[in-house]
Amino acid sequence: SLTSKSPEWSYEKEWRIIRDNGACGVSWNADKKGALLNMIQPSSIILGCAAQPELEREVTDYCSANRIDLYKMEKDLIQYRLNKNAVLEFNKEG
């Protein structure tokens, strides 16, 4: 269930990052409980509405340094939905 998703959500084209010693092999850093893996640079990152402030700061710094668009989901005050709000936009056309 960690590496798959329901077909209804396939349009999201998300990446799932799993922190696991077995999957990361020699790249695993036990002290940091994670691994630095080679991957393509994303064109944008979307934070969930419950993202913790420390994570939000780290991701904002990363996006700013690498010119990656950053958005944050927020609960709509009127309708039962989430709105995607821009935090940083570098690649916007027009």
PDB file of N, CA and C in Angstrom:
ATOM      1  N   SER A   1       0.815  -1.207   0.000  1.00  0.00           N
ATOM      2  CA  SER A   1       0.000   0.000   0.000  1.00  0.00           C
ATOM      3  C   SER A   1       0.856   1.267   0.000  1.00  0.00           C
ATOM      4  N   LEU A   2       2.112   1.169   0.411  1.00  0.00           N
ATOM      5  CA  LEU A   2       2.957   2.362   0.433  1.00  0.00           C
ATOM      6  C   LEU A   2       3.393   2.805  -0.957  1.00  0.00           C
ATOM      7  N   THR A   3       3.517   1.849  -1.872  1.00  0.00           N
ATOM      8  CA  THR A   3       4.037   2.190  -3.190  1.00  0.00           C
ATOM      9  C   THR A   3       2.967   2.238  -4.273  1.00  0.00           C
ATOM     10  N   SER A   4       1.725   2.064  -3.911  1.00  0.00           N
ATOM     11  CA  SER A   4       0.659   2.126  -4.906  1.00  0.00           C
ATOM     12  C   SER A   4      -0.432   3.074  -4.425  1.00  0.00           C
ATOM     13  N   LYS A   5      -1.315   3.435  -5.356  1.00  0.00           N
ATOM     14  CA  LYS A   5      -2.402   4.335  -4.983  1.00  0.00           C
ATOM     15  C   LYS A   5      -3.639   3.966  -5.779  1.00  0.00           C
ATOM     16  N   SER A   6      -4.744   4.419  -5.319  1.00  0.00           N
ATOM     17  CA  SER A   6      -6.013   4.161  -5.980  1.00  0.00           C
ATOM     18  C   SER A   6      -6.028   4.856  -7.339  1.00  0.00           C
ATOM     19  N   PRO A   7      -6.606   4.239  -8.372  1.00  0.00           N
ATOM     20  CA  PRO A   7      -6.650   4.852  -9.708  1.00  0.00           C
ATOM     21  C   PRO A   7      -7.287   6.243  -9.723  1.00  0.00           C
ATOM     22  N   GLU A   8      -8.186   6.522  -8.786  1.00  0.00           N
ATOM     23  CA  GLU A   8      -8.838   7.836  -8.745  1.00  0.00           C
ATOM     24  C   GLU A   8      -7.853   8.974  -8.523  1.00  0.00           C
ATOM     25  N   TRP A   9      -6.687   8.668  -7.947  1.00  0.00           N
ATOM     26  CA  TRP A   9      -5.698   9.697  -7.628  1.00  0.00           C
ATOM     27  C   TRP A   9      -4.526   9.684  -8.614  1.00  0.00           C
ATOM     28  N   SER A  10      -4.606   8.915  -9.676  1.00  0.00           N
ATOM     29  CA  SER A  10      -3.474   8.771 -10.596  1.00  0.00           C
ATOM     30  C   SER A  10      -3.091  10.088 -11.281  1.00  0.00           C
ATOM     31  N   TYR A  11      -4.034  11.014 -11.420  1.00  0.00           N
ATOM     32  CA  TYR A  11      -3.739  12.294 -12.076  1.00  0.00           C
ATOM     33  C   TYR A  11      -2.710  13.116 -11.305  1.00  0.00           C
ATOM     34  N   GLU A  12      -2.499  12.821 -10.025  1.00  0.00           N
ATOM     35  CA  GLU A  12      -1.587  13.622  -9.206  1.00  0.00           C
ATOM     36  C   GLU A  12      -0.126  13.460  -9.601  1.00  0.00           C
ATOM     37  N   LYS A  13       0.250  12.341 -10.177  1.00  0.00           N
ATOM     38  CA  LYS A  13       1.626  12.081 -10.603  1.00  0.00           C
ATOM     39  C   LYS A  13       2.619  12.397  -9.481  1.00  0.00           C
ATOM     40  N   GLU A  14       2.331  11.923  -8.302  1.00  0.00           N
ATOM     41  CA  GLU A  14       3.173  12.205  -7.139  1.00  0.00           C
ATOM     42  C   GLU A  14       4.345  11.249  -7.045  1.00  0.00           C
ATOM     43  N   TRP A  15       5.336  11.664  -6.290  1.00  0.00           N
ATOM     44  CA  TRP A  15       6.449  10.797  -5.929  1.00  0.00           C
ATOM     45  C   TRP A  15       6.222  10.391  -4.489  1.00  0.00           C
ATOM     46  N   ARG A  16       6.547   9.172  -4.166  1.00  0.00           N
ATOM     47  CA  ARG A  16       6.484   8.728  -2.781  1.00  0.00           C
ATOM     48  C   ARG A  16       7.893   8.393  -2.346  1.00  0.00           C
ATOM     49  N   ILE A  17       8.327   9.012  -1.291  1.00  0.00           N
ATOM     50  CA  ILE A  17       9.667   8.786  -0.776  1.00  0.00           C
ATOM     51  C   ILE A  17       9.535   7.930   0.474  1.00  0.00           C
ATOM     52  N   ILE A  18      10.174   6.782   0.435  1.00  0.00           N
ATOM     53  CA  ILE A  18      10.094   5.840   1.547  1.00  0.00           C
ATOM     54  C   ILE A  18      11.468   5.757   2.191  1.00  0.00           C
ATOM     55  N   ARG A  19      11.521   6.054   3.463  1.00  0.00           N
ATOM     56  CA  ARG A  19      12.790   5.992   4.178  1.00  0.00           C
ATOM     57  C   ARG A  19      12.942   4.596   4.764  1.00  0.00           C
ATOM     58  N   ASP A  20      13.815   3.820   4.142  1.00  0.00           N
ATOM     59  CA  ASP A  20      13.967   2.439   4.559  1.00  0.00           C
ATOM     60  C   ASP A  20      15.397   1.985   4.290  1.00  0.00           C
ATOM     61  N   ASN A  21      16.013   1.376   5.271  1.00  0.00           N
ATOM     62  CA  ASN A  21      17.374   0.891   5.160  1.00  0.00           C
ATOM     63  C   ASN A  21      17.515  -0.102   4.021  1.00  0.00           C
ATOM     64  N   GLY A  22      16.580  -1.035   3.899  1.00  0.00           N
ATOM     65  CA  GLY A  22      16.660  -2.049   2.857  1.00  0.00           C
ATOM     66  C   GLY A  22      16.571  -1.458   1.465  1.00  0.00           C
ATOM     67  N   ALA A  23      15.704  -0.492   1.267  1.00  0.00           N
ATOM     68  CA  ALA A  23      15.513   0.106  -0.062  1.00  0.00           C
ATOM     69  C   ALA A  23      16.663   1.033  -0.441  1.00  0.00           C
ATOM     70  N   CYS A  24      17.304   1.661   0.540  1.00  0.00           N
ATOM     71  CA  CYS A  24      18.337   2.657   0.254  1.00  0.00           C
ATOM     72  C   CYS A  24      19.746   2.080   0.251  1.00  0.00           C
ATOM     73  N   GLY A  25      19.922   0.884   0.784  1.00  0.00           N
ATOM     74  CA  GLY A  25      21.236   0.236   0.790  1.00  0.00           C
ATOM     75  C   GLY A  25      22.296   1.069   1.471  1.00  0.00           C
ATOM     76  N   VAL A  26      23.450   1.223   0.798  1.00  0.00           N
ATOM     77  CA  VAL A  26      24.590   1.914   1.400  1.00  0.00           C
ATOM     78  C   VAL A  26      24.354   3.413   1.547  1.00  0.00           C
ATOM     79  N   SER A  27      23.337   3.955   0.903  1.00  0.00           N
ATOM     80  CA  SER A  27      23.037   5.381   1.024  1.00  0.00           C
ATOM     81  C   SER A  27      22.324   5.726   2.329  1.00  0.00           C
ATOM     82  N   TRP A  28      21.851   4.718   3.053  1.00  0.00           N
ATOM     83  CA  TRP A  28      21.100   4.932   4.289  1.00  0.00           C
ATOM     84  C   TRP A  28      21.985   5.564   5.352  1.00  0.00           C
ATOM     85  N   ASN A  29      21.496   6.624   6.000  1.00  0.00           N
ATOM     86  CA  ASN A  29      22.190   7.296   7.087  1.00  0.00           C
ATOM     87  C   ASN A  29      21.361   7.075   8.347  1.00  0.00           C
ATOM     88  N   ALA A  30      21.813   6.188   9.205  1.00  0.00           N
ATOM     89  CA  ALA A  30      21.050   5.830  10.403  1.00  0.00           C
ATOM     90  C   ALA A  30      20.866   7.016  11.341  1.00  0.00           C
ATOM     91  N   ASP A  31      21.863   7.891  11.437  1.00  0.00           N
ATOM     92  CA  ASP A  31      21.754   9.048  12.329  1.00  0.00           C
ATOM     93  C   ASP A  31      20.651  10.005  11.878  1.00  0.00           C
ATOM     94  N   LYS A  32      20.550  10.202  10.580  1.00  0.00           N
ATOM     95  CA  LYS A  32      19.538  11.112  10.042  1.00  0.00           C
ATOM     96  C   LYS A  32      18.244  10.407   9.679  1.00  0.00           C
ATOM     97  N   LYS A  33      18.244   9.088   9.816  1.00  0.00           N
ATOM     98  CA  LYS A  33      17.063   8.267   9.489  1.00  0.00           C
ATOM     99  C   LYS A  33      16.574   8.551   8.082  1.00  0.00           C
ATOM    100  N   GLY A  34      17.489   8.590   7.137  1.00  0.00           N
ATOM    101  CA  GLY A  34      17.129   8.851   5.759  1.00  0.00           C
ATOM    102  C   GLY A  34      18.295   8.593   4.833  1.00  0.00           C
ATOM    103  N   ALA A  35      18.097   8.908   3.571  1.00  0.00           N
ATOM    104  CA  ALA A  35      19.135   8.697   2.573  1.00  0.00           C
ATOM    105  C   ALA A  35      19.073   9.803   1.541  1.00  0.00           C
ATOM    106  N   LEU A  36      20.224  10.128   1.000  1.00  0.00           N
ATOM    107  CA  LEU A  36      20.302  11.091  -0.082  1.00  0.00           C
ATOM    108  C   LEU A  36      20.414  10.292  -1.373  1.00  0.00           C
ATOM    109  N   LEU A  37      19.360  10.316  -2.178  1.00  0.00           N
ATOM    110  CA  LEU A  37      19.302   9.530  -3.398  1.00  0.00           C
ATOM    111  C   LEU A  37      19.308  10.441  -4.612  1.00  0.00           C
ATOM    112  N   ASN A  38      19.910   9.978  -5.691  1.00  0.00           N
ATOM    113  CA  ASN A  38      19.897  10.731  -6.944  1.00  0.00           C
ATOM    114  C   ASN A  38      18.497  10.667  -7.547  1.00  0.00           C
ATOM    115  N   MET A  39      17.979  11.803  -7.956  1.00  0.00           N
ATOM    116  CA  MET A  39      16.667  11.847  -8.605  1.00  0.00           C
ATOM    117  C   MET A  39      16.574  13.119  -9.432  1.00  0.00           C
ATOM    118  N   ILE A  40      15.600  13.160 -10.307  1.00  0.00           N
ATOM    119  CA  ILE A  40      15.413  14.367 -11.098  1.00  0.00           C
ATOM    120  C   ILE A  40      14.862  15.481 -10.211  1.00  0.00           C
ATOM    121  N   GLN A  41      15.097  16.723 -10.608  1.00  0.00           N
ATOM    122  CA  GLN A  41      14.581  17.859  -9.841  1.00  0.00           C
ATOM    123  C   GLN A  41      13.112  18.062 -10.184  1.00  0.00           C
ATOM    124  N   PRO A  42      12.253  18.176  -9.191  1.00  0.00           N
ATOM    125  CA  PRO A  42      10.834  18.413  -9.476  1.00  0.00           C
ATOM    126  C   PRO A  42      10.610  19.818 -10.016  1.00  0.00           C
ATOM    127  N   SER A  43       9.525  19.997 -10.789  1.00  0.00           N
ATOM    128  CA  SER A  43       9.182  21.330 -11.285  1.00  0.00           C
ATOM    129  C   SER A  43       8.402  22.108 -10.234  1.00  0.00           C
ATOM    130  N   SER A  44       7.766  21.383  -9.304  1.00  0.00           N
ATOM    131  CA  SER A  44       7.053  22.046  -8.203  1.00  0.00           C
ATOM    132  C   SER A  44       6.905  21.067  -7.048  1.00  0.00           C
ATOM    133  N   ILE A  45       6.663  21.627  -5.876  1.00  0.00           N
ATOM    134  CA  ILE A  45       6.416  20.850  -4.659  1.00  0.00           C
ATOM    135  C   ILE A  45       5.152  21.401  -4.029  1.00  0.00           C
ATOM    136  N   ILE A  46       4.306  20.512  -3.546  1.00  0.00           N
ATOM    137  CA  ILE A  46       3.068  20.920  -2.876  1.00  0.00           C
ATOM    138  C   ILE A  46       3.096  20.403  -1.446  1.00  0.00           C
ATOM    139  N   LEU A  47       3.015  21.326  -0.501  1.00  0.00           N
ATOM    140  CA  LEU A  47       2.936  20.967   0.914  1.00  0.00           C
ATOM    141  C   LEU A  47       1.481  20.698   1.289  1.00  0.00           C
ATOM    142  N   GLY A  48       1.270  19.723   2.132  1.00  0.00           N
ATOM    143  CA  GLY A  48      -0.071  19.455   2.630  1.00  0.00           C
ATOM    144  C   GLY A  48      -0.506  20.524   3.613  1.00  0.00           C
ATOM    145  N   CYS A  49      -1.793  20.598   3.870  1.00  0.00           N
ATOM    146  CA  CYS A  49      -2.320  21.657   4.747  1.00  0.00           C
ATOM    147  C   CYS A  49      -1.876  21.478   6.194  1.00  0.00           C
ATOM    148  N   ALA A  50      -1.426  20.297   6.573  1.00  0.00           N
ATOM    149  CA  ALA A  50      -0.993  20.068   7.955  1.00  0.00           C
ATOM    150  C   ALA A  50       0.527  20.017   8.083  1.00  0.00           C
ATOM    151  N   ALA A  51       1.255  20.535   7.080  1.00  0.00           N
ATOM    152  CA  ALA A  51       2.722  20.529   7.137  1.00  0.00           C
ATOM    153  C   ALA A  51       3.203  21.311   8.350  1.00  0.00           C
ATOM    154  N   GLN A  52       4.143  20.737   9.065  1.00  0.00           N
ATOM    155  CA  GLN A  52       4.692  21.379  10.260  1.00  0.00           C
ATOM    156  C   GLN A  52       5.572  22.568   9.866  1.00  0.00           C
ATOM    157  N   PRO A  53       5.610  23.621  10.681  1.00  0.00           N
ATOM    158  CA  PRO A  53       6.384  24.833  10.348  1.00  0.00           C
ATOM    159  C   PRO A  53       7.856  24.560  10.034  1.00  0.00           C
ATOM    160  N   GLU A  54       8.500  23.660  10.759  1.00  0.00           N
ATOM    161  CA  GLU A  54       9.914  23.364  10.503  1.00  0.00           C
ATOM    162  C   GLU A  54      10.098  22.755   9.112  1.00  0.00           C
ATOM    163  N   LEU A  55       9.240  21.813   8.746  1.00  0.00           N
ATOM    164  CA  LEU A  55       9.305  21.221   7.415  1.00  0.00           C
ATOM    165  C   LEU A  55       9.032  22.281   6.353  1.00  0.00           C
ATOM    166  N   GLU A  56       8.055  23.113   6.608  1.00  0.00           N
ATOM    167  CA  GLU A  56       7.706  24.182   5.659  1.00  0.00           C
ATOM    168  C   GLU A  56       8.887  25.119   5.429  1.00  0.00           C
ATOM    169  N   ARG A  57       9.608  25.474   6.488  1.00  0.00           N
ATOM    170  CA  ARG A  57      10.792  26.341   6.360  1.00  0.00           C
ATOM    171  C   ARG A  57      11.879  25.654   5.537  1.00  0.00           C
ATOM    172  N   GLU A  58      12.134  24.376   5.832  1.00  0.00           N
ATOM    173  CA  GLU A  58      13.175  23.645   5.109  1.00  0.00           C
ATOM    174  C   GLU A  58      12.835  23.520   3.624  1.00  0.00           C
ATOM    175  N   VAL A  59      11.600  23.197   3.326  1.00  0.00           N
ATOM    176  CA  VAL A  59      11.180  23.042   1.931  1.00  0.00           C
ATOM    177  C   VAL A  59      11.199  24.396   1.217  1.00  0.00           C
ATOM    178  N   THR A  60      10.776  25.450   1.893  1.00  0.00           N
ATOM    179  CA  THR A  60      10.813  26.793   1.304  1.00  0.00           C
ATOM    180  C   THR A  60      12.245  27.192   0.977  1.00  0.00           C
ATOM    181  N   ASP A  61      13.162  26.949   1.890  1.00  0.00           N
ATOM    182  CA  ASP A  61      14.576  27.264   1.641  1.00  0.00           C
ATOM    183  C   ASP A  61      15.106  26.479   0.442  1.00  0.00           C
ATOM    184  N   TYR A  62      14.780  25.186   0.396  1.00  0.00           N
ATOM    185  CA  TYR A  62      15.229  24.336  -0.702  1.00  0.00           C
ATOM    186  C   TYR A  62      14.664  24.837  -2.040  1.00  0.00           C
ATOM    187  N   CYS A  63      13.376  25.119  -2.061  1.00  0.00           N
ATOM    188  CA  CYS A  63      12.731  25.579  -3.291  1.00  0.00           C
ATOM    189  C   CYS A  63      13.290  26.924  -3.738  1.00  0.00           C
ATOM    190  N   SER A  64      13.535  27.807  -2.804  1.00  0.00           N
ATOM    191  CA  SER A  64      14.089  29.117  -3.119  1.00  0.00           C
ATOM    192  C   SER A  64      15.488  28.976  -3.718  1.00  0.00           C
ATOM    193  N   ALA A  65      16.316  28.153  -3.117  1.00  0.00           N
ATOM    194  CA  ALA A  65      17.689  27.967  -3.582  1.00  0.00           C
ATOM    195  C   ALA A  65      17.751  27.285  -4.941  1.00  0.00           C
ATOM    196  N   ASN A  66      16.755  26.458  -5.247  1.00  0.00           N
ATOM    197  CA  ASN A  66      16.762  25.683  -6.489  1.00  0.00           C
ATOM    198  C   ASN A  66      15.737  26.143  -7.512  1.00  0.00           C
ATOM    199  N   ARG A  67      15.086  27.266  -7.235  1.00  0.00           N
ATOM    200  CA  ARG A  67      14.085  27.854  -8.141  1.00  0.00           C
ATOM    201  C   ARG A  67      13.000  26.851  -8.520  1.00  0.00           C
ATOM    202  N   ILE A  68      12.417  26.248  -7.505  1.00  0.00           N
ATOM    203  CA  ILE A  68      11.334  25.282  -7.673  1.00  0.00           C
ATOM    204  C   ILE A  68      10.054  25.920  -7.149  1.00  0.00           C
ATOM    205  N   ASP A  69       9.003  25.871  -7.941  1.00  0.00           N
ATOM    206  CA  ASP A  69       7.712  26.406  -7.505  1.00  0.00           C
ATOM    207  C   ASP A  69       7.235  25.650  -6.272  1.00  0.00           C
ATOM    208  N   LEU A  70       6.674  26.390  -5.319  1.00  0.00           N
ATOM    209  CA  LEU A  70       6.185  25.789  -4.075  1.00  0.00           C
ATOM    210  C   LEU A  70       4.759  26.239  -3.830  1.00  0.00           C
ATOM    211  N   TYR A  71       3.918  25.286  -3.496  1.00  0.00           N
ATOM    212  CA  TYR A  71       2.517  25.545  -3.194  1.00  0.00           C
ATOM    213  C   TYR A  71       2.168  24.894  -1.863  1.00  0.00           C
ATOM    214  N   LYS A  72       1.122  25.382  -1.251  1.00  0.00           N
ATOM    215  CA  LYS A  72       0.625  24.786  -0.013  1.00  0.00           C
ATOM    216  C   LYS A  72      -0.884  24.640  -0.116  1.00  0.00           C
ATOM    217  N   MET A  73      -1.359  23.468   0.262  1.00  0.00           N
ATOM    218  CA  MET A  73      -2.791  23.218   0.271  1.00  0.00           C
ATOM    219  C   MET A  73      -3.401  23.828   1.525  1.00  0.00           C
ATOM    220  N   GLU A  74      -4.556  24.453   1.369  1.00  0.00           N
ATOM    221  CA  GLU A  74      -5.265  25.043   2.505  1.00  0.00           C
ATOM    222  C   GLU A  74      -6.739  24.694   2.412  1.00  0.00           C
ATOM    223  N   LYS A  75      -7.349  24.488   3.552  1.00  0.00           N
ATOM    224  CA  LYS A  75      -8.775  24.169   3.586  1.00  0.00           C
ATOM    225  C   LYS A  75      -9.591  25.374   3.149  1.00  0.00           C
ATOM    226  N   ASP A  76     -10.558  25.133   2.290  1.00  0.00           N
ATOM    227  CA  ASP A  76     -11.463  26.186   1.842  1.00  0.00           C
ATOM    228  C   ASP A  76     -12.387  26.550   3.002  1.00  0.00           C
ATOM    229  N   LEU A  77     -12.614  27.823   3.213  1.00  0.00           N
ATOM    230  CA  LEU A  77     -13.442  28.267   4.336  1.00  0.00           C
ATOM    231  C   LEU A  77     -14.936  28.076   4.088  1.00  0.00           C
ATOM    232  N   ILE A  78     -15.334  27.902   2.822  1.00  0.00           N
ATOM    233  CA  ILE A  78     -16.750  27.795   2.497  1.00  0.00           C
ATOM    234  C   ILE A  78     -17.121  26.409   1.984  1.00  0.00           C
ATOM    235  N   GLN A  79     -16.362  25.916   1.021  1.00  0.00           N
ATOM    236  CA  GLN A  79     -16.678  24.630   0.418  1.00  0.00           C
ATOM    237  C   GLN A  79     -15.824  23.513   1.017  1.00  0.00           C
ATOM    238  N   TYR A  80     -16.290  22.284   0.836  1.00  0.00           N
ATOM    239  CA  TYR A  80     -15.570  21.108   1.310  1.00  0.00           C
ATOM    240  C   TYR A  80     -14.531  20.732   0.259  1.00  0.00           C
ATOM    241  N   ARG A  81     -13.387  21.430   0.293  1.00  0.00           N
ATOM    242  CA  ARG A  81     -12.317  21.179  -0.653  1.00  0.00           C
ATOM    243  C   ARG A  81     -11.024  21.816  -0.149  1.00  0.00           C
ATOM    244  N   LEU A  82      -9.930  21.514  -0.843  1.00  0.00           N
ATOM    245  CA  LEU A  82      -8.642  22.129  -0.559  1.00  0.00           C
ATOM    246  C   LEU A  82      -8.275  23.043  -1.713  1.00  0.00           C
ATOM    247  N   ASN A  83      -7.640  24.156  -1.398  1.00  0.00           N
ATOM    248  CA  ASN A  83      -7.170  25.095  -2.407  1.00  0.00           C
ATOM    249  C   ASN A  83      -5.653  25.076  -2.439  1.00  0.00           C
ATOM    250  N   LYS A  84      -5.076  25.115  -3.640  1.00  0.00           N
ATOM    251  CA  LYS A  84      -3.625  25.142  -3.811  1.00  0.00           C
ATOM    252  C   LYS A  84      -3.186  26.599  -3.925  1.00  0.00           C
ATOM    253  N   ASN A  85      -2.443  27.070  -2.934  1.00  0.00           N
ATOM    254  CA  ASN A  85      -2.003  28.463  -2.901  1.00  0.00           C
ATOM    255  C   ASN A  85      -0.499  28.560  -3.143  1.00  0.00           C
ATOM    256  N   ALA A  86      -0.098  29.499  -3.978  1.00  0.00           N
ATOM    257  CA  ALA A  86       1.314  29.692  -4.300  1.00  0.00           C
ATOM    258  C   ALA A  86       2.067  30.265  -3.107  1.00  0.00           C
ATOM    259  N   VAL A  87       3.219  29.674  -2.822  1.00  0.00           N
ATOM    260  CA  VAL A  87       4.151  30.200  -1.828  1.00  0.00           C
ATOM    261  C   VAL A  87       5.322  30.849  -2.566  1.00  0.00           C
ATOM    262  N   LEU A  88       5.878  30.128  -3.546  1.00  0.00           N
ATOM    263  CA  LEU A  88       6.945  30.621  -4.418  1.00  0.00           C
ATOM    264  C   LEU A  88       6.628  30.184  -5.841  1.00  0.00           C
ATOM    265  N   GLU A  89       6.761  31.089  -6.795  1.00  0.00           N
ATOM    266  CA  GLU A  89       6.571  30.729  -8.196  1.00  0.00           C
ATOM    267  C   GLU A  89       7.715  31.301  -9.021  1.00  0.00           C
ATOM    268  N   PHE A  90       8.456  30.417  -9.678  1.00  0.00           N
ATOM    269  CA  PHE A  90       9.572  30.820 -10.532  1.00  0.00           C
ATOM    270  C   PHE A  90       9.278  30.510 -11.992  1.00  0.00           C
ATOM    271  N   ASN A  91       8.534  29.434 -12.222  1.00  0.00           N
ATOM    272  CA  ASN A  91       8.371  28.911 -13.574  1.00  0.00           C
ATOM    273  C   ASN A  91       7.029  29.284 -14.200  1.00  0.00           C
ATOM    274  N   LYS A  92       6.376  30.286 -13.655  1.00  0.00           N
ATOM    275  CA  LYS A  92       5.069  30.688 -14.171  1.00  0.00           C
ATOM    276  C   LYS A  92       5.232  31.372 -15.521  1.00  0.00           C
ATOM    277  N   GLU A  93       4.429  30.925 -16.480  1.00  0.00           N
ATOM    278  CA  GLU A  93       4.485  31.521 -17.812  1.00  0.00           C
ATOM    279  C   GLU A  93       3.666  32.805 -17.844  1.00  0.00           C
ATOM    280  N   GLY A  94       4.080  33.729 -18.706  1.00  0.00           N
ATOM    281  CA  GLY A  94       3.287  34.941 -18.917  1.00  0.00           C
ATOM    282  C   GLY A  94       3.823  36.028 -18.155  1.00  0.00           C
TER     283      GLY A  94
END
